[in-house]
Amino acid sequence: MDAHILSYLVIPLFDQHRDPFDRLILATALAENWPVISADEKFRLYDGVVQLIW
């Protein structure tokens, strides 16, 4: 659980995408080394931080 919270701090905060729930999804994926599968264009901002599958 701590790894997820610490990963939240690693996720960049972009002015054009400040959704805290999306950031939790990204932090969980980062902590667990899981890819994120999404069609949400805003997730492209995090390519390179987490693995994204379109």
C-alpha atoms as a PDB file:
ATOM      1  CA  MET A   1       0.000   0.000   0.000  1.00  0.00           C
ATOM      2  CA  ASP A   2       2.805   2.455   0.799  1.00  0.00           C
ATOM      3  CA  ALA A   3       4.319   1.837  -2.620  1.00  0.00           C
ATOM      4  CA  HIS A   4       1.103   3.062  -4.256  1.00  0.00           C
ATOM      5  CA  ILE A   5       1.091   6.289  -2.253  1.00  0.00           C
ATOM      6  CA  LEU A   6       4.778   6.881  -2.938  1.00  0.00           C
ATOM      7  CA  SER A   7       4.199   6.232  -6.636  1.00  0.00           C
ATOM      8  CA  TYR A   8       1.463   8.874  -6.605  1.00  0.00           C
ATOM      9  CA  LEU A   9       4.178  11.421  -5.871  1.00  0.00           C
ATOM     10  CA  VAL A  10       6.139  10.288  -8.941  1.00  0.00           C
ATOM     11  CA  ILE A  11       3.233  10.847 -11.357  1.00  0.00           C
ATOM     12  CA  PRO A  12       3.706  14.256 -13.002  1.00  0.00           C
ATOM     13  CA  LEU A  13       1.011  16.849 -12.383  1.00  0.00           C
ATOM     14  CA  PHE A  14       0.062  18.476 -15.685  1.00  0.00           C
ATOM     15  CA  ASP A  15      -2.105  21.607 -15.883  1.00  0.00           C
ATOM     16  CA  GLN A  16      -4.208  20.001 -18.613  1.00  0.00           C
ATOM     17  CA  HIS A  17      -4.856  16.847 -16.553  1.00  0.00           C
ATOM     18  CA  ARG A  18      -5.356  17.120 -12.817  1.00  0.00           C
ATOM     19  CA  ASP A  19      -7.856  14.303 -12.208  1.00  0.00           C
ATOM     20  CA  PRO A  20      -6.843  12.715  -8.875  1.00  0.00           C
ATOM     21  CA  PHE A  21      -8.582   9.413  -9.646  1.00  0.00           C
ATOM     22  CA  ASP A  22      -6.734   9.005 -12.935  1.00  0.00           C
ATOM     23  CA  ARG A  23      -3.527   9.757 -11.058  1.00  0.00           C
ATOM     24  CA  LEU A  24      -4.375   6.968  -8.577  1.00  0.00           C
ATOM     25  CA  ILE A  25      -4.847   4.550 -11.476  1.00  0.00           C
ATOM     26  CA  LEU A  26      -1.481   5.600 -12.883  1.00  0.00           C
ATOM     27  CA  ALA A  27       0.236   5.349  -9.485  1.00  0.00           C
ATOM     28  CA  THR A  28      -1.145   1.854  -8.931  1.00  0.00           C
ATOM     29  CA  ALA A  29       0.040   0.783 -12.364  1.00  0.00           C
ATOM     30  CA  LEU A  30       3.475   2.229 -11.672  1.00  0.00           C
ATOM     31  CA  ALA A  31       3.759   0.552  -8.246  1.00  0.00           C
ATOM     32  CA  GLU A  32       2.611  -2.828  -9.564  1.00  0.00           C
ATOM     33  CA  ASN A  33       4.507  -2.545 -12.864  1.00  0.00           C
ATOM     34  CA  TRP A  34       1.242  -3.019 -14.777  1.00  0.00           C
ATOM     35  CA  PRO A  35       0.375  -1.449 -18.125  1.00  0.00           C
ATOM     36  CA  VAL A  36      -2.540   0.958 -18.374  1.00  0.00           C
ATOM     37  CA  ILE A  37      -5.111   0.215 -21.052  1.00  0.00           C
ATOM     38  CA  SER A  38      -7.081   3.311 -21.967  1.00  0.00           C
ATOM     39  CA  ALA A  39      -8.499   5.281 -24.867  1.00  0.00           C
ATOM     40  CA  ASP A  40      -8.326   8.489 -22.826  1.00  0.00           C
ATOM     41  CA  GLU A  41      -6.124  10.905 -24.780  1.00  0.00           C
ATOM     42  CA  LYS A  42      -4.957  12.580 -21.565  1.00  0.00           C
ATOM     43  CA  PHE A  43      -3.181   9.403 -20.504  1.00  0.00           C
ATOM     44  CA  ARG A  44      -0.759   9.943 -23.383  1.00  0.00           C
ATOM     45  CA  LEU A  45       0.849  12.631 -21.219  1.00  0.00           C
ATOM     46  CA  TYR A  46       2.210   9.848 -19.007  1.00  0.00           C
ATOM     47  CA  ASP A  47       3.781   7.756 -21.744  1.00  0.00           C
ATOM     48  CA  GLY A  48       7.258   6.984 -20.494  1.00  0.00           C
ATOM     49  CA  VAL A  49       6.187   7.134 -16.847  1.00  0.00           C
ATOM     50  CA  VAL A  50       3.943   4.068 -17.104  1.00  0.00           C
ATOM     51  CA  GLN A  51       3.456   1.584 -19.925  1.00  0.00           C
ATOM     52  CA  LEU A  52       0.413   2.561 -21.964  1.00  0.00           C
ATOM     53  CA  ILE A  53      -1.590   0.320 -24.270  1.00  0.00           C
ATOM     54  CA  TRP A  54      -3.928   1.960 -26.775  1.00  0.00           C
END
